[in-house]
Amino acid sequence: MIKPLIAAAGMSFGLFFGMAPAHAETPYPNKVIRLVVPFAPGGSTDVVARLISEPLRDELGQTVIVDNRPGAGGNIGGDIVAKAAPDGYTLLLAAAGPTVINPSLYPKMSYDPVRDLAPVTMIEREHNVMAVNASLPVKNVQEFIAYAKSHPNQLSFGSPGNGSPAQLAGELLNQTAGIKLQHVPYKGSGPAVADLIAGHITLLIDNMPALWPHVQSGKLRALAVTSEKRATAAPGLPTAQEAGLKGYVVTAWKGLMVPAHTPRPVVDKLNQAMVKILARPELRKKLVELGAEPVGDTPEQFGQQIRTDAAWWAALVKSTGTTLE
């Protein structure tokens, strides 16, 4: 009687363990997904997150909650995702600042964006806009440079925070144009834009989605885009190089990332969903109107771009002497 009992027990364990994989293989996703935005509401990263959250919900069949976690130049939000379970339920709306610039500025980051995060896709490339308050008596880049030189140590430029792409863009402008604008850091693009509209700062070079609606309303005046080519949304606005700033090119992007070691099938499903979303005419139209160019590439292509950009920004940090002090 012992052998039959052992055999029966073996069958029971076999059935028990045989059922486990079926439970583990429940199709992804089967619960709420959190999309972490490492900046405050109102900035371009937040705008993009909210534009894709509903379409992403439609594609994946699960609610996608936008979770703003600002602080430390985007490092707080990035750290949350880097240390989350690699199961596809915690996503990062990644921006260039925390992903490819911060490693050159923060000597002791709590995570490594390349090692601890995995690329899914670049969502869009953004044109940065050089903008001033509409009341400032300048209409183009050369007039602004002349005005800055005639008002030494009196003008300022804002940014969403210390070490942000906007700060580096301002420092590069100082270097390229031979002027001296004082840097004023804010906690996010929203507050910086608000102070530019109020006239508390002189200039802001930031992502087009954050600035363009206010340019269109007449509250701000755009002087140039800082990309290599003109923006589809503003074909009449020259590039900084066309405006006389030789070699001045500063671009930005937004992308989707997940914790490292997220299973490749999950990464692929997210990538496929995002590529389909970015092919939607209505979403493409909205992104273009905001000054962004939709992308939707592979994880490998996005990963290579991250590595290339990290090297470029590291060189810029060094050449401008930018620090967090």
Protein backbone atom coordinates (compact mmCIF):
# COMPACT_ATOMS: atom_id res chain seq x y z
CA MET A 1 0.00 0.00 0.00
CA ILE A 2 2.94 2.34 0.53
CA LYS A 3 3.98 2.44 -3.12
CA PRO A 4 0.52 3.38 -4.40
CA LEU A 5 0.32 6.13 -1.77
CA ILE A 6 3.71 7.48 -2.79
CA ALA A 7 2.70 7.31 -6.42
CA ALA A 8 -0.53 9.12 -5.64
CA ALA A 9 1.37 11.74 -3.70
CA GLY A 10 3.76 12.12 -6.62
CA MET A 11 0.83 12.63 -8.95
CA SER A 12 -0.63 15.23 -6.59
CA PHE A 13 2.63 17.17 -6.48
CA GLY A 14 2.94 16.84 -10.23
CA LEU A 15 -0.52 18.27 -10.69
CA PHE A 16 0.16 21.01 -8.17
CA PHE A 17 3.43 22.12 -9.79
CA GLY A 18 1.99 21.56 -13.22
CA MET A 19 -0.62 24.19 -12.49
CA ALA A 20 1.92 26.83 -11.38
CA PRO A 21 3.23 27.73 -14.82
CA ALA A 22 -0.32 28.20 -16.08
CA HIS A 23 -0.84 30.83 -13.40
CA ALA A 24 2.54 32.44 -14.05
CA GLU A 25 1.85 32.64 -17.77
CA THR A 26 -1.27 34.79 -17.40
CA PRO A 27 -1.12 37.07 -20.44
CA TYR A 28 0.47 40.46 -19.84
CA PRO A 29 -0.98 42.82 -18.80
CA ASN A 30 -3.62 41.79 -16.29
CA LYS A 31 -3.62 44.73 -13.86
CA VAL A 32 -3.18 48.50 -13.65
CA ILE A 33 0.00 49.95 -15.18
CA ARG A 34 1.80 52.91 -13.63
CA LEU A 35 3.51 55.41 -15.92
CA VAL A 36 6.01 57.38 -13.84
CA VAL A 37 6.76 60.95 -14.93
CA PRO A 38 9.96 62.20 -13.24
CA PHE A 39 8.87 65.85 -13.43
CA ALA A 40 6.05 68.04 -12.14
CA PRO A 41 2.74 68.43 -14.02
CA GLY A 42 2.69 71.01 -16.80
CA GLY A 43 6.06 70.32 -18.39
CA SER A 44 6.66 68.62 -21.73
CA THR A 45 7.32 65.20 -20.17
CA ASP A 46 3.97 65.34 -18.40
CA VAL A 47 2.22 66.55 -21.55
CA VAL A 48 3.55 63.60 -23.57
CA ALA A 49 2.68 61.12 -20.81
CA ARG A 50 -0.93 62.26 -20.75
CA LEU A 51 -1.17 62.18 -24.54
CA ILE A 52 -0.12 58.51 -24.69
CA SER A 53 -1.75 57.17 -21.51
CA GLU A 54 -5.25 56.69 -22.95
CA PRO A 55 -4.13 55.23 -26.29
CA LEU A 56 -1.79 52.91 -24.38
CA ARG A 57 -4.73 51.82 -22.23
CA ASP A 58 -6.70 51.06 -25.40
CA GLU A 59 -3.88 49.00 -26.90
CA LEU A 60 -3.04 47.04 -23.74
CA GLY A 61 -6.54 46.71 -22.34
CA GLN A 62 -5.55 47.96 -18.88
CA THR A 63 -5.76 51.29 -17.06
CA VAL A 64 -2.60 53.38 -17.29
CA ILE A 65 -2.12 55.80 -14.38
CA VAL A 66 0.21 58.80 -14.79
CA ASP A 67 2.23 59.18 -11.60
CA ASN A 68 4.26 62.42 -11.29
CA ARG A 69 7.35 61.94 -9.11
CA PRO A 70 9.47 65.10 -9.52
CA GLY A 71 12.73 65.92 -7.80
CA ALA A 72 16.53 65.78 -8.13
CA GLY A 73 16.49 66.62 -11.82
CA GLY A 74 14.32 63.62 -12.63
CA ASN A 75 16.41 61.18 -10.60
CA ILE A 76 13.69 60.42 -8.07
CA GLY A 77 11.24 59.16 -10.69
CA GLY A 78 13.97 57.27 -12.51
CA ASP A 79 15.08 55.60 -9.31
CA ILE A 80 11.51 54.46 -8.55
CA VAL A 81 11.27 52.69 -11.89
CA ALA A 82 14.83 51.31 -11.81
CA LYS A 83 14.08 49.61 -8.49
CA ALA A 84 10.55 48.45 -9.36
CA ALA A 85 9.71 44.84 -10.14
CA PRO A 86 10.73 44.07 -13.75
CA ASP A 87 7.26 42.91 -14.74
CA GLY A 88 6.03 45.63 -17.09
CA TYR A 89 3.67 47.28 -14.61
CA THR A 90 5.91 50.24 -13.78
CA LEU A 91 6.98 52.29 -16.80
CA LEU A 92 9.11 55.43 -17.10
CA LEU A 93 8.37 58.36 -19.38
CA ALA A 94 12.07 58.98 -19.91
CA ALA A 95 13.54 62.34 -20.87
CA ALA A 96 17.06 63.20 -22.00
CA GLY A 97 17.93 65.05 -18.80
CA PRO A 98 17.82 62.25 -16.23
CA THR A 99 18.71 59.55 -18.73
CA VAL A 100 21.79 60.87 -20.55
CA ILE A 101 22.83 64.10 -18.78
CA ASN A 102 22.52 63.42 -15.06
CA PRO A 103 25.18 60.68 -15.04
CA SER A 104 27.70 63.40 -15.99
CA LEU A 105 26.47 65.79 -13.30
CA TYR A 106 25.56 63.68 -10.29
CA PRO A 107 28.63 61.94 -8.82
CA LYS A 108 26.54 59.53 -6.73
CA MET A 109 23.32 58.65 -8.55
CA SER A 110 21.32 55.92 -6.84
CA TYR A 111 20.90 54.08 -10.14
CA ASP A 112 22.55 53.82 -13.54
CA PRO A 113 20.09 54.64 -16.36
CA VAL A 114 21.92 52.40 -18.85
CA ARG A 115 22.43 49.47 -16.47
CA ASP A 116 19.19 49.63 -14.45
CA LEU A 117 16.67 50.63 -17.12
CA ALA A 118 15.77 48.98 -20.41
CA PRO A 119 14.72 50.94 -23.51
CA VAL A 120 11.36 50.24 -25.12
CA THR A 121 11.09 52.95 -27.78
CA MET A 122 11.81 56.60 -28.41
CA ILE A 123 8.41 58.28 -28.50
CA GLU A 124 9.37 61.55 -30.13
CA ARG A 125 12.13 64.02 -30.81
CA GLU A 126 11.47 67.54 -29.66
CA HIS A 127 12.50 70.88 -30.99
CA ASN A 128 13.76 73.19 -28.29
CA VAL A 129 12.59 76.77 -28.62
CA MET A 130 14.50 79.89 -27.63
CA ALA A 131 11.77 82.15 -26.26
CA VAL A 132 11.44 85.51 -24.48
CA ASN A 133 8.58 87.45 -22.95
CA ALA A 134 6.64 89.16 -25.72
CA SER A 135 7.27 92.57 -24.12
CA LEU A 136 11.06 92.31 -24.49
CA PRO A 137 12.18 94.71 -27.28
CA VAL A 138 13.82 92.06 -29.46
CA LYS A 139 12.48 90.17 -32.47
CA ASN A 140 15.27 87.79 -33.38
CA VAL A 141 18.42 86.11 -32.04
CA GLN A 142 20.84 88.81 -33.14
CA GLU A 143 18.73 91.55 -31.54
CA PHE A 144 18.62 89.52 -28.34
CA ILE A 145 22.40 89.09 -28.29
CA ALA A 146 22.86 92.83 -28.83
CA TYR A 147 20.35 93.56 -26.06
CA ALA A 148 22.13 91.17 -23.70
CA LYS A 149 25.49 92.77 -24.41
CA SER A 150 24.04 96.23 -23.73
CA HIS A 151 22.58 95.02 -20.40
CA PRO A 152 25.49 93.10 -18.83
CA ASN A 153 24.69 91.05 -15.73
CA GLN A 154 21.06 92.19 -15.83
CA LEU A 155 19.41 89.37 -17.76
CA SER A 156 18.62 85.77 -16.85
CA PHE A 157 17.61 82.47 -18.34
CA GLY A 158 15.46 79.87 -16.63
CA SER A 159 15.44 76.09 -16.66
CA PRO A 160 13.39 73.23 -15.19
CA GLY A 161 16.24 72.56 -12.77
CA ASN A 162 19.98 72.40 -12.20
CA GLY A 163 21.70 70.19 -14.72
CA SER A 164 18.68 70.07 -17.04
CA PRO A 165 19.04 70.23 -20.84
CA ALA A 166 17.61 73.75 -20.65
CA GLN A 167 20.39 74.87 -18.32
CA LEU A 168 23.04 73.40 -20.60
CA ALA A 169 21.36 75.04 -23.59
CA GLY A 170 21.56 78.40 -21.80
CA GLU A 171 25.19 77.89 -20.82
CA LEU A 172 26.01 76.95 -24.42
CA LEU A 173 24.29 80.15 -25.59
CA ASN A 174 26.43 82.19 -23.19
CA GLN A 175 29.51 80.46 -24.55
CA THR A 176 28.58 80.68 -28.23
CA ALA A 177 27.24 84.25 -28.26
CA GLY A 178 29.73 85.74 -25.82
CA ILE A 179 27.08 86.95 -23.39
CA LYS A 180 26.41 86.38 -19.69
CA LEU A 181 22.89 85.43 -18.64
CA GLN A 182 22.34 84.38 -15.04
CA HIS A 183 20.86 80.90 -14.61
CA VAL A 184 17.64 80.62 -12.55
CA PRO A 185 16.63 76.99 -11.85
CA TYR A 186 13.02 75.95 -11.19
CA LYS A 187 11.32 72.74 -10.13
CA GLY A 188 9.98 71.79 -13.54
CA SER A 189 9.18 73.47 -16.84
CA GLY A 190 5.75 74.65 -15.69
CA PRO A 191 7.03 77.12 -13.06
CA ALA A 192 9.81 78.31 -15.39
CA VAL A 193 7.35 79.04 -18.19
CA ALA A 194 5.03 80.83 -15.76
CA ASP A 195 7.85 83.12 -14.62
CA LEU A 196 8.89 83.81 -18.21
CA ILE A 197 5.33 84.86 -18.99
CA ALA A 198 5.34 87.05 -15.85
CA GLY A 199 8.63 88.65 -16.89
CA HIS A 200 10.64 87.42 -13.91
CA ILE A 201 13.24 85.81 -16.18
CA THR A 202 14.42 86.97 -19.60
CA LEU A 203 14.87 83.81 -21.65
CA LEU A 204 13.97 80.14 -21.63
CA ILE A 205 15.27 77.47 -24.01
CA ASP A 206 13.03 74.49 -23.47
CA ASN A 207 11.07 71.79 -25.22
CA MET A 208 8.60 73.13 -27.75
CA PRO A 209 5.56 71.34 -26.23
CA ALA A 210 5.99 73.36 -23.02
CA LEU A 211 6.42 76.72 -24.75
CA TRP A 212 4.59 76.67 -28.03
CA PRO A 213 1.00 77.18 -26.79
CA HIS A 214 2.14 80.40 -25.09
CA VAL A 215 3.93 81.55 -28.23
CA GLN A 216 0.73 80.98 -30.17
CA SER A 217 -1.27 82.94 -27.59
CA GLY A 218 1.09 85.90 -27.94
CA LYS A 219 2.42 85.82 -24.37
CA LEU A 220 5.87 84.70 -25.49
CA ARG A 221 8.00 85.39 -28.55
CA ALA A 222 9.97 82.59 -30.17
CA LEU A 223 13.37 83.59 -31.55
CA ALA A 224 14.58 80.25 -32.96
CA VAL A 225 14.50 76.49 -32.67
CA THR A 226 17.75 74.88 -31.56
CA SER A 227 17.51 71.74 -33.71
CA GLU A 228 19.34 71.09 -36.97
CA LYS A 229 16.16 71.50 -39.00
CA ARG A 230 13.12 73.74 -38.70
CA ALA A 231 10.08 72.41 -36.88
CA THR A 232 7.13 71.11 -38.87
CA ALA A 233 4.86 73.07 -36.51
CA ALA A 234 6.72 76.34 -37.15
CA PRO A 235 8.29 76.32 -40.62
CA GLY A 236 8.78 80.08 -40.52
CA LEU A 237 10.91 79.98 -37.37
CA PRO A 238 14.64 79.79 -38.15
CA THR A 239 17.09 77.45 -36.51
CA ALA A 240 19.65 78.99 -34.18
CA GLN A 241 22.32 78.24 -36.76
CA GLU A 242 20.33 80.03 -39.46
CA ALA A 243 20.01 82.95 -37.03
CA GLY A 244 23.79 83.27 -36.79
CA LEU A 245 24.78 80.93 -33.94
CA LYS A 246 27.15 78.65 -35.82
CA GLY A 247 27.30 75.13 -34.38
CA TYR A 248 24.50 75.76 -31.89
CA VAL A 249 22.36 72.60 -31.89
CA VAL A 250 20.54 71.26 -28.82
CA THR A 251 17.81 68.66 -29.19
CA ALA A 252 15.70 66.58 -26.82
CA TRP A 253 13.53 63.48 -26.83
CA LYS A 254 11.05 61.50 -24.81
CA GLY A 255 10.96 57.72 -24.63
CA LEU A 256 9.50 54.75 -22.81
CA MET A 257 11.70 52.66 -20.50
CA VAL A 258 11.17 49.84 -18.03
CA PRO A 259 13.25 48.25 -15.26
CA ALA A 260 16.22 46.21 -16.46
CA HIS A 261 15.57 42.46 -16.75
CA THR A 262 11.96 43.00 -17.78
CA PRO A 263 11.14 39.91 -19.91
CA ARG A 264 11.69 40.52 -23.61
CA PRO A 265 8.13 39.46 -24.54
CA VAL A 266 6.82 42.22 -22.25
CA VAL A 267 9.22 44.77 -23.75
CA ASP A 268 8.15 43.70 -27.23
CA LYS A 269 4.46 43.99 -26.39
CA LEU A 270 4.98 47.51 -25.04
CA ASN A 271 7.07 48.42 -28.08
CA GLN A 272 4.45 47.12 -30.49
CA ALA A 273 1.71 49.00 -28.63
CA MET A 274 3.67 52.26 -28.72
CA VAL A 275 4.54 51.90 -32.41
CA LYS A 276 0.84 51.41 -33.21
CA ILE A 277 -0.09 54.40 -31.06
CA LEU A 278 2.48 56.64 -32.74
CA ALA A 279 1.10 55.66 -36.14
CA ARG A 280 -2.32 57.09 -35.24
CA PRO A 281 -2.90 60.21 -37.35
CA GLU A 282 -4.65 62.08 -34.54
CA LEU A 283 -1.79 61.51 -32.08
CA ARG A 284 0.86 62.36 -34.65
CA LYS A 285 -1.01 65.57 -35.41
CA LYS A 286 -1.09 66.54 -31.72
CA LEU A 287 2.62 65.85 -31.25
CA VAL A 288 3.56 67.82 -34.36
CA GLU A 289 1.39 70.74 -33.27
CA LEU A 290 3.30 70.76 -29.98
CA GLY A 291 6.61 70.86 -31.81
CA ALA A 292 7.56 67.19 -31.60
CA GLU A 293 8.38 64.69 -34.34
CA PRO A 294 6.93 61.19 -33.62
CA VAL A 295 9.43 58.31 -33.77
CA GLY A 296 8.54 54.78 -32.59
CA ASP A 297 11.78 52.82 -33.09
CA THR A 298 13.08 49.48 -31.76
CA PRO A 299 14.52 48.94 -28.28
CA GLU A 300 17.96 48.45 -29.88
CA GLN A 301 17.78 51.70 -31.85
CA PHE A 302 16.64 53.65 -28.79
CA GLY A 303 19.39 52.08 -26.70
CA GLN A 304 22.05 53.10 -29.21
CA GLN A 305 20.71 56.66 -29.26
CA ILE A 306 20.91 56.81 -25.47
CA ARG A 307 24.56 55.78 -25.54
CA THR A 308 25.41 58.28 -28.30
CA ASP A 309 23.61 61.13 -26.55
CA ALA A 310 25.23 60.35 -23.20
CA ALA A 311 28.66 60.87 -24.76
CA TRP A 312 27.60 64.12 -26.48
CA TRP A 313 26.09 65.63 -23.33
CA ALA A 314 29.09 64.58 -21.24
CA ALA A 315 31.31 66.58 -23.62
CA LEU A 316 28.98 69.59 -23.37
CA VAL A 317 28.93 69.45 -19.57
CA LYS A 318 32.71 69.49 -19.60
CA SER A 319 33.10 72.29 -22.16
CA THR A 320 30.62 74.62 -20.43
CA GLY A 321 31.90 73.84 -16.96
CA THR A 322 28.35 73.17 -15.77
CA THR A 323 28.08 71.93 -12.20
CA LEU A 324 25.30 71.41 -9.67
CA GLU A 325 26.91 73.75 -7.16
